[in-house]
Amino acid sequence: MLDIEQALLLLELEPPFEKRDVQLARRRQAKVWHPDLAPPGKQVEHERHLKAINEAADQLEALAEDSRGGRVTRNAVKVNAAAARKARAEEGRRAYEEEQRRRQAAAEQAKYDPFGSRVPDHSVVHRYARCLSYPEWGVGEVSGIYFTGGGDDIQQWARVRFQPGVRTVPAGSLQFVDFSKPDPGAERVQRFMTAAQHALHDGDYDLAAKRLVYARDAEPTNIAVLRLLTLAFWQAGNLPAAGRSVRDWVRADPDRPTAHRFAARIYEDMGAIDLAAEAAERAATRAPGDAGEWERVGRLRLRLMDRAAAIEALERARRLQPSVEGLLDLALAHHLAGDLGAEVTATEQATMLDPESGPAWTRYAHALARTDRVSDAIAASERALHLSPKDAEVADLLERLRAAQPRVLPAA
């Protein structure tokens, strides 16, 4: 028998309802119980609960389509619920009688075979629980345990009254609370990490940072917590707090380049270019094969007007894996150092690396304009103007180069 009332509880839907109402409820629950949002180890619970939700929604949609006017009334739900309760009561009576027979058999076994089993028979009932998938709901009061399906495919779920309201959750995602014992630190960390990831998914970085602070207090040297805390503070725009957090991260994990890479970017946003350059150099030293890190070192050293260090870092990046941006920065460094030949070479390599790059051809034309290669400068300017037709500076350079081009008499 289809228990419409349980299906409505599972979808958190109130009668009367139509097919559209069921579809909206299905989408709402899918956003909450999608397996991608599950904490580590709870993906199966989310998947099974979402499967039960989809099966209930399919049954309710079919029922709504077959109903008069496409609408299931409250009275129909009430009648169906009464019939389902009567069927469950009959099933419970049979189960109770079977349990009594088993208890009687166990009593006879205890009387005539007292040492047959030494395992005690007991049960513990918990009332308060926490949802591991959404710990930000807090501790809730279990109001009912329900079962869907049968045989090997039985699904157990519960209705729990949390602070935001009553929620339908899979029983496997519940953690019953024993107030007589303090929670282990690892459980608190995982709980606050899961809640913070939900806040990050919603784009609420301030709330995510507040939750991660509690996780950091539980385990101050947890690298995953420090990394997420740094990201949350940085995205929230709290640069001083992000700087303090990334320093804690560097102290906890000094041998990997990721923390130093984050520190360089945060210090750069703060305007502390000298600290950013030092952090970028530490990151590049720990990842010597990363050309992007050496390019960042070169750009930061160039902002500090340290031309020799900038050229050294950018040359190393070119040897590892050249890029258009890195070659143009190298050309700028050579230009500031007064090495015109190296500047022309770097810009020419940038045009060869990306022949469709307008900035590369523009820089190449300006570099050639400072040499005696007027014809080559005109050709580079024409190519740059073709790629960037609205560049007035290149158009003016082309006019000056054509005016300065030497004119010769044609041959006889």
Protein backbone atom coordinates (compact mmCIF):
# COMPACT_ATOMS: atom_id res chain seq x y z
CA MET A 1 0.00 0.00 0.00
CA LEU A 2 1.27 3.47 -0.94
CA ASP A 3 1.45 5.52 2.24
CA ILE A 4 0.81 9.03 0.93
CA GLU A 5 1.35 10.61 4.34
CA GLN A 6 4.86 9.17 4.68
CA ALA A 7 5.72 10.21 1.15
CA LEU A 8 4.58 13.76 1.93
CA LEU A 9 6.65 13.77 5.13
CA LEU A 10 9.66 12.59 3.16
CA LEU A 11 9.23 15.43 0.67
CA GLU A 12 8.29 17.93 3.44
CA LEU A 13 5.08 18.72 1.53
CA GLU A 14 1.66 19.59 2.88
CA PRO A 15 -1.67 18.43 1.32
CA PRO A 16 -3.50 19.27 -0.87
CA PHE A 17 -0.95 19.08 -3.66
CA GLU A 18 -0.59 18.96 -7.43
CA LYS A 19 2.05 17.56 -9.74
CA ARG A 20 3.84 20.93 -9.84
CA ASP A 21 4.02 21.03 -6.05
CA VAL A 22 5.65 17.60 -6.00
CA GLN A 23 8.19 18.66 -8.63
CA LEU A 24 9.18 21.75 -6.64
CA ALA A 25 9.48 19.71 -3.44
CA ARG A 26 11.67 17.18 -5.26
CA ARG A 27 14.02 19.95 -6.47
CA ARG A 28 14.14 21.51 -3.02
CA GLN A 29 15.11 18.25 -1.36
CA ALA A 30 17.62 17.40 -4.12
CA LYS A 31 19.46 20.65 -3.41
CA VAL A 32 19.75 19.65 0.24
CA TRP A 33 20.55 15.94 -0.02
CA HIS A 34 22.65 15.77 -3.19
CA PRO A 35 25.60 13.33 -2.75
CA ASP A 36 28.07 16.07 -3.83
CA LEU A 37 27.19 18.04 -0.68
CA ALA A 38 27.74 15.10 1.67
CA PRO A 39 30.62 15.13 4.18
CA PRO A 40 33.32 12.47 3.88
CA GLY A 41 31.93 8.99 4.40
CA LYS A 42 28.25 10.02 4.10
CA GLN A 43 27.82 10.01 0.32
CA VAL A 44 26.01 6.65 0.40
CA GLU A 45 23.51 7.92 2.98
CA HIS A 46 22.77 10.99 0.87
CA GLU A 47 22.42 8.87 -2.25
CA ARG A 48 20.01 6.41 -0.62
CA HIS A 49 17.94 9.20 0.93
CA LEU A 50 17.75 11.02 -2.40
CA LYS A 51 16.68 7.76 -4.07
CA ALA A 52 13.85 7.36 -1.53
CA ILE A 53 12.81 10.97 -2.16
CA ASN A 54 12.72 10.41 -5.92
CA GLU A 55 10.68 7.22 -5.57
CA ALA A 56 8.16 8.96 -3.31
CA ALA A 57 7.98 11.92 -5.72
CA ASP A 58 7.39 9.60 -8.70
CA GLN A 59 4.53 7.88 -6.87
CA LEU A 60 2.95 11.18 -5.82
CA GLU A 61 3.24 12.60 -9.34
CA ALA A 62 1.54 9.53 -10.80
CA LEU A 63 -1.17 9.79 -8.15
CA ALA A 64 -1.74 13.47 -8.91
CA GLU A 65 -2.01 12.79 -12.66
CA ASP A 66 -4.66 10.11 -12.09
CA SER A 67 -6.64 12.22 -9.63
CA ARG A 68 -9.65 14.30 -10.59
CA GLY A 69 -8.51 17.73 -11.70
CA GLY A 70 -4.89 16.75 -11.18
CA ARG A 71 -5.12 17.53 -7.45
CA VAL A 72 -4.94 15.26 -4.40
CA THR A 73 -7.14 16.58 -1.58
CA ARG A 74 -6.39 16.64 2.11
CA ASN A 75 -9.24 14.24 2.81
CA ALA A 76 -7.83 11.65 0.40
CA VAL A 77 -4.48 11.84 2.19
CA LYS A 78 -6.26 11.45 5.52
CA VAL A 79 -8.17 8.34 4.39
CA ASN A 80 -5.04 6.79 2.91
CA ALA A 81 -3.06 7.49 6.09
CA ALA A 82 -5.72 5.76 8.20
CA ALA A 83 -5.61 2.69 5.98
CA ALA A 84 -1.83 2.63 6.02
CA ARG A 85 -1.76 2.95 9.81
CA LYS A 86 -4.23 0.07 10.08
CA ALA A 87 -2.02 -2.07 7.82
CA ARG A 88 1.08 -1.17 9.84
CA ALA A 89 -0.77 -1.98 13.06
CA GLU A 90 -1.70 -5.41 11.73
CA GLU A 91 1.88 -5.99 10.68
CA GLY A 92 3.07 -4.78 14.08
CA ARG A 93 0.65 -7.15 15.83
CA ARG A 94 2.02 -10.09 13.89
CA ALA A 95 5.56 -8.96 14.64
CA TYR A 96 4.68 -8.63 18.34
CA GLU A 97 3.25 -12.14 18.45
CA GLU A 98 6.37 -13.46 16.75
CA GLU A 99 8.50 -11.57 19.25
CA GLN A 100 6.53 -13.08 22.13
CA ARG A 101 7.07 -16.56 20.74
CA ARG A 102 10.78 -15.89 20.43
CA ARG A 103 10.91 -14.52 23.96
CA GLN A 104 9.14 -17.60 25.28
CA ALA A 105 11.60 -19.82 23.44
CA ALA A 106 14.46 -17.75 24.84
CA ALA A 107 13.02 -18.09 28.36
CA GLU A 108 12.84 -21.86 27.99
CA GLN A 109 16.40 -21.88 26.71
CA ALA A 110 17.54 -19.76 29.66
CA LYS A 111 15.79 -22.19 32.04
CA TYR A 112 17.02 -25.41 30.53
CA ASP A 113 20.26 -24.17 28.85
CA PRO A 114 21.44 -21.16 30.91
CA PHE A 115 24.94 -21.12 29.44
CA GLY A 116 23.88 -21.29 25.83
CA SER A 117 24.53 -17.61 25.23
CA ARG A 118 26.43 -15.06 27.30
CA VAL A 119 25.51 -12.02 25.19
CA PRO A 120 23.13 -9.69 27.08
CA ASP A 121 19.94 -8.58 25.37
CA HIS A 122 19.48 -4.80 25.76
CA SER A 123 18.51 -1.71 23.79
CA VAL A 124 19.27 1.98 24.21
CA VAL A 125 16.89 4.72 23.01
CA HIS A 126 18.35 8.16 22.23
CA ARG A 127 16.24 11.25 21.91
CA TYR A 128 18.66 13.99 20.86
CA ALA A 129 20.75 13.79 17.70
CA ARG A 130 22.87 15.88 15.35
CA CYS A 131 22.84 15.69 11.55
CA LEU A 132 26.37 15.01 10.34
CA SER A 133 25.53 16.27 6.85
CA TYR A 134 24.31 19.67 8.15
CA PRO A 135 25.85 20.25 11.60
CA GLU A 136 24.90 23.94 11.44
CA TRP A 137 21.33 22.88 12.28
CA GLY A 138 22.54 22.10 15.81
CA VAL A 139 21.22 19.39 18.12
CA GLY A 140 17.67 18.30 17.34
CA GLU A 141 14.97 16.24 18.99
CA VAL A 142 13.97 13.05 17.20
CA SER A 143 10.20 13.02 16.77
CA GLY A 144 9.82 9.84 14.75
CA ILE A 145 11.67 7.02 12.97
CA TYR A 146 10.17 5.70 9.72
CA PHE A 147 10.98 2.97 7.20
CA THR A 148 10.52 2.90 3.42
CA GLY A 149 10.79 -0.14 1.18
CA GLY A 150 11.31 -3.69 2.27
CA GLY A 151 13.65 -6.64 2.17
CA ASP A 152 17.24 -5.80 1.39
CA ASP A 153 16.30 -2.34 0.08
CA ILE A 154 14.76 -0.95 3.24
CA GLN A 155 15.45 2.74 3.94
CA GLN A 156 15.34 4.20 7.44
CA TRP A 157 14.78 7.93 7.92
CA ALA A 158 13.80 10.21 10.74
CA ARG A 159 11.91 13.42 11.43
CA VAL A 160 14.02 15.64 13.68
CA ARG A 161 13.05 18.99 15.18
CA PHE A 162 16.06 21.31 14.75
CA GLN A 163 16.34 25.02 15.51
CA PRO A 164 15.59 26.01 11.85
CA GLY A 165 12.55 23.66 11.88
CA VAL A 166 11.58 20.05 11.36
CA ARG A 167 13.77 18.23 8.85
CA THR A 168 13.54 14.81 7.22
CA VAL A 169 16.98 13.18 7.31
CA PRO A 170 18.35 9.69 6.59
CA ALA A 171 18.95 7.81 9.82
CA GLY A 172 22.52 7.01 8.80
CA SER A 173 23.44 10.70 8.86
CA LEU A 174 22.32 11.12 12.49
CA GLN A 175 24.75 11.16 15.38
CA PHE A 176 23.01 10.67 18.70
CA VAL A 177 24.25 13.01 21.41
CA ASP A 178 25.33 11.87 24.85
CA PHE A 179 25.54 15.01 26.98
CA SER A 180 27.42 13.19 29.75
CA LYS A 181 30.58 12.94 27.59
CA PRO A 182 32.45 15.75 25.79
CA ASP A 183 32.83 15.47 22.03
CA PRO A 184 36.27 14.40 20.75
CA GLY A 185 38.26 17.16 19.09
CA ALA A 186 38.35 15.39 15.72
CA GLU A 187 34.55 15.19 15.63
CA ARG A 188 34.23 18.90 16.39
CA VAL A 189 36.71 19.72 13.63
CA GLN A 190 34.84 17.63 11.07
CA ARG A 191 31.53 19.12 12.15
CA PHE A 192 32.67 22.72 11.78
CA MET A 193 34.50 21.92 8.53
CA THR A 194 31.31 20.50 6.99
CA ALA A 195 29.29 23.53 8.11
CA ALA A 196 31.95 25.89 6.74
CA GLN A 197 31.97 24.11 3.38
CA HIS A 198 28.21 24.64 3.13
CA ALA A 199 28.72 28.35 3.83
CA LEU A 200 31.48 28.54 1.20
CA HIS A 201 29.17 26.82 -1.29
CA ASP A 202 26.55 29.51 -0.60
CA GLY A 203 29.14 32.30 -0.94
CA ASP A 204 28.87 33.42 2.71
CA TYR A 205 32.59 33.73 3.45
CA ASP A 206 32.16 35.64 6.71
CA LEU A 207 30.03 32.86 8.18
CA ALA A 208 32.45 30.22 6.88
CA ALA A 209 35.36 32.00 8.60
CA LYS A 210 33.48 32.14 11.91
CA ARG A 211 32.78 28.41 11.78
CA LEU A 212 36.37 27.61 10.80
CA VAL A 213 37.68 29.58 13.79
CA TYR A 214 36.00 27.03 16.07
CA ALA A 215 37.56 24.20 14.05
CA ARG A 216 40.99 25.82 14.36
CA ASP A 217 40.53 26.20 18.14
CA ALA A 218 39.81 22.46 18.35
CA GLU A 219 42.93 21.55 16.32
CA PRO A 220 45.30 24.53 15.86
CA THR A 221 47.70 22.60 13.59
CA ASN A 222 45.15 21.08 11.21
CA ILE A 223 46.43 22.07 7.76
CA ALA A 224 43.09 21.58 5.99
CA VAL A 225 41.37 23.88 8.50
CA LEU A 226 44.06 26.55 8.18
CA ARG A 227 43.89 26.43 4.38
CA LEU A 228 40.09 26.87 4.31
CA LEU A 229 40.28 29.57 7.00
CA THR A 230 42.83 31.51 4.97
CA LEU A 231 40.67 31.24 1.85
CA ALA A 232 37.53 32.31 3.73
CA PHE A 233 39.18 35.39 5.28
CA TRP A 234 40.76 36.32 1.94
CA GLN A 235 37.51 36.02 -0.02
CA ALA A 236 35.66 37.93 2.71
CA GLY A 237 38.08 40.85 2.28
CA ASN A 238 39.50 40.58 5.81
CA LEU A 239 43.16 40.84 4.74
CA PRO A 240 44.72 41.27 8.24
CA ALA A 241 42.98 38.12 9.48
CA ALA A 242 43.94 36.31 6.27
CA GLY A 243 47.57 37.32 6.84
CA ARG A 244 47.53 35.96 10.40
CA SER A 245 45.88 32.75 9.24
CA VAL A 246 48.34 32.17 6.39
CA ARG A 247 51.26 32.68 8.79
CA ASP A 248 49.80 29.97 11.03
CA TRP A 249 49.46 27.79 7.95
CA VAL A 250 53.10 28.40 6.96
CA ARG A 251 54.28 27.46 10.45
CA ALA A 252 52.23 24.24 10.34
CA ASP A 253 53.28 23.28 6.79
CA PRO A 254 56.57 25.05 5.94
CA ASP A 255 57.90 22.59 3.33
CA ARG A 256 55.14 22.84 0.73
CA PRO A 257 54.75 25.75 -1.69
CA THR A 258 50.97 26.19 -1.40
CA ALA A 259 50.99 28.17 1.85
CA HIS A 260 53.78 30.44 0.63
CA ARG A 261 51.90 30.95 -2.65
CA PHE A 262 48.78 32.07 -0.76
CA ALA A 263 50.93 34.33 1.44
CA ALA A 264 52.43 36.03 -1.62
CA ARG A 265 49.03 36.83 -3.09
CA ILE A 266 47.59 38.04 0.22
CA TYR A 267 50.59 40.28 0.92
CA GLU A 268 50.34 41.65 -2.62
CA ASP A 269 46.67 42.55 -2.04
CA MET A 270 47.69 44.23 1.22
CA GLY A 271 50.29 46.33 -0.60
CA ALA A 272 53.27 44.75 1.20
CA ILE A 273 55.23 44.05 -1.98
CA ASP A 274 58.50 43.24 -0.18
CA LEU A 275 56.81 40.55 1.95
CA ALA A 276 55.00 39.27 -1.14
CA ALA A 277 58.28 38.95 -3.04
CA GLU A 278 59.90 37.03 -0.18
CA ALA A 279 56.93 34.66 0.08
CA ALA A 280 56.91 34.15 -3.70
CA GLU A 281 60.62 33.31 -3.63
CA ARG A 282 60.01 30.73 -0.89
CA ALA A 283 57.21 29.19 -2.95
CA ALA A 284 59.39 29.10 -6.08
CA THR A 285 62.26 27.54 -4.13
CA ARG A 286 59.99 24.75 -2.91
CA ALA A 287 58.58 24.23 -6.44
CA PRO A 288 61.59 24.90 -8.69
CA GLY A 289 59.89 23.45 -11.76
CA ASP A 290 56.91 25.83 -11.67
CA ALA A 291 57.46 28.54 -14.27
CA GLY A 292 54.47 30.55 -13.06
CA GLU A 293 56.01 30.96 -9.61
CA TRP A 294 59.25 32.32 -11.07
CA GLU A 295 57.26 34.73 -13.24
CA ARG A 296 55.47 36.00 -10.11
CA VAL A 297 58.84 36.48 -8.42
CA GLY A 298 60.07 38.44 -11.42
CA ARG A 299 56.99 40.71 -11.49
CA LEU A 300 57.22 41.45 -7.77
CA ARG A 301 60.96 42.13 -7.95
CA LEU A 302 60.27 44.41 -10.91
CA ARG A 303 57.77 46.37 -8.79
CA LEU A 304 60.51 46.77 -6.19
CA MET A 305 62.83 48.05 -8.98
CA ASP A 306 65.23 45.16 -8.40
CA ARG A 307 66.02 44.69 -12.09
CA ALA A 308 68.79 42.12 -11.74
CA ALA A 309 66.72 39.78 -9.54
CA ALA A 310 63.69 40.26 -11.81
CA ILE A 311 65.69 39.38 -14.95
CA GLU A 312 67.18 36.31 -13.26
CA ALA A 313 63.75 35.00 -12.17
CA LEU A 314 62.09 35.72 -15.53
CA GLU A 315 64.95 34.11 -17.46
CA ARG A 316 64.54 31.00 -15.33
CA ALA A 317 60.81 30.96 -16.08
CA ARG A 318 61.55 31.28 -19.82
CA ARG A 319 63.88 28.29 -19.68
CA LEU A 320 61.24 26.20 -17.88
CA GLN A 321 58.09 27.11 -19.85
CA PRO A 322 57.88 30.43 -21.70
CA SER A 323 54.66 32.40 -21.80
CA VAL A 324 53.64 35.62 -23.53
CA GLU A 325 53.12 37.49 -20.24
CA GLY A 326 56.45 36.30 -18.85
CA LEU A 327 58.35 37.27 -22.01
CA LEU A 328 56.77 40.73 -22.05
CA ASP A 329 57.70 41.22 -18.38
CA LEU A 330 61.24 40.12 -19.24
CA ALA A 331 61.31 42.64 -22.08
CA LEU A 332 60.22 45.39 -19.67
CA ALA A 333 62.96 44.41 -17.22
CA HIS A 334 65.60 44.54 -19.99
CA HIS A 335 64.19 47.88 -21.14
CA LEU A 336 64.57 49.34 -17.65
CA ALA A 337 68.08 47.90 -17.47
CA GLY A 338 68.98 49.55 -20.81
CA ASP A 339 69.55 46.32 -22.77
CA LEU A 340 67.75 47.05 -26.05
CA GLY A 341 68.91 43.91 -27.84
CA ALA A 342 67.59 41.60 -25.10
CA GLU A 343 64.30 43.53 -25.12
CA VAL A 344 63.88 43.04 -28.88
CA THR A 345 64.69 39.34 -28.54
CA ALA A 346 62.16 38.82 -25.75
CA THR A 347 59.36 40.61 -27.61
CA GLU A 348 60.15 38.73 -30.82
CA GLN A 349 59.93 35.42 -28.94
CA ALA A 350 56.55 36.52 -27.55
CA THR A 351 55.23 37.07 -31.10
CA MET A 352 56.55 33.68 -32.16
CA LEU A 353 54.92 32.00 -29.15
CA ASP A 354 51.51 33.57 -29.90
CA PRO A 355 51.31 35.10 -33.39
CA GLU A 356 47.77 36.40 -32.69
CA SER A 357 48.70 38.40 -29.56
CA GLY A 358 48.12 42.10 -30.14
CA PRO A 359 50.08 43.27 -27.03
CA ALA A 360 53.09 41.16 -28.07
CA TRP A 361 53.22 42.73 -31.56
CA THR A 362 52.72 46.19 -30.08
CA ARG A 363 55.65 45.78 -27.69
CA TYR A 364 57.75 44.28 -30.50
CA ALA A 365 57.01 47.28 -32.75
CA HIS A 366 57.95 49.78 -30.03
CA ALA A 367 61.17 47.91 -29.33
CA LEU A 368 62.11 47.83 -33.03
CA ALA A 369 61.30 51.55 -33.34
CA ARG A 370 64.24 52.30 -31.04
CA THR A 371 66.62 50.48 -33.42
CA ASP A 372 67.72 51.07 -37.01
CA ARG A 373 65.39 48.34 -38.33
CA VAL A 374 62.75 50.74 -39.62
CA SER A 375 61.27 48.34 -42.17
CA ASP A 376 60.87 45.60 -39.58
CA ALA A 377 59.32 48.12 -37.16
CA ILE A 378 56.81 49.19 -39.85
CA ALA A 379 55.89 45.55 -40.55
CA ALA A 380 55.43 44.84 -36.81
CA SER A 381 53.32 48.00 -36.41
CA GLU A 382 51.10 47.02 -39.31
CA ARG A 383 50.63 43.56 -37.81
CA ALA A 384 49.80 45.06 -34.38
CA LEU A 385 47.34 47.53 -35.96
CA HIS A 386 45.70 44.65 -37.81
CA LEU A 387 45.18 42.77 -34.53
CA SER A 388 44.16 45.90 -32.57
CA PRO A 389 42.57 48.35 -35.06
CA LYS A 390 41.54 50.85 -32.36
CA ASP A 391 45.02 51.27 -30.86
CA ALA A 392 45.77 54.97 -31.52
CA GLU A 393 49.28 54.71 -30.09
CA VAL A 394 50.30 52.05 -32.63
CA ALA A 395 48.73 54.07 -35.46
CA ASP A 396 50.74 57.15 -34.44
CA LEU A 397 53.92 55.05 -34.23
CA LEU A 398 53.28 53.68 -37.74
CA GLU A 399 52.88 57.20 -39.16
CA ARG A 400 56.13 58.35 -37.56
CA LEU A 401 57.98 55.29 -38.82
CA ARG A 402 56.72 55.80 -42.38
CA ALA A 403 57.73 59.46 -42.23
CA ALA A 404 61.19 58.52 -40.97
CA GLN A 405 61.73 55.76 -43.55
CA PRO A 406 64.54 56.76 -45.98
CA ARG A 407 63.41 57.33 -49.55
CA VAL A 408 65.57 56.25 -52.51
CA LEU A 409 65.32 56.85 -56.25
CA PRO A 410 64.13 53.90 -58.29
CA ALA A 411 66.62 52.08 -60.50
CA ALA A 412 67.09 53.25 -64.07
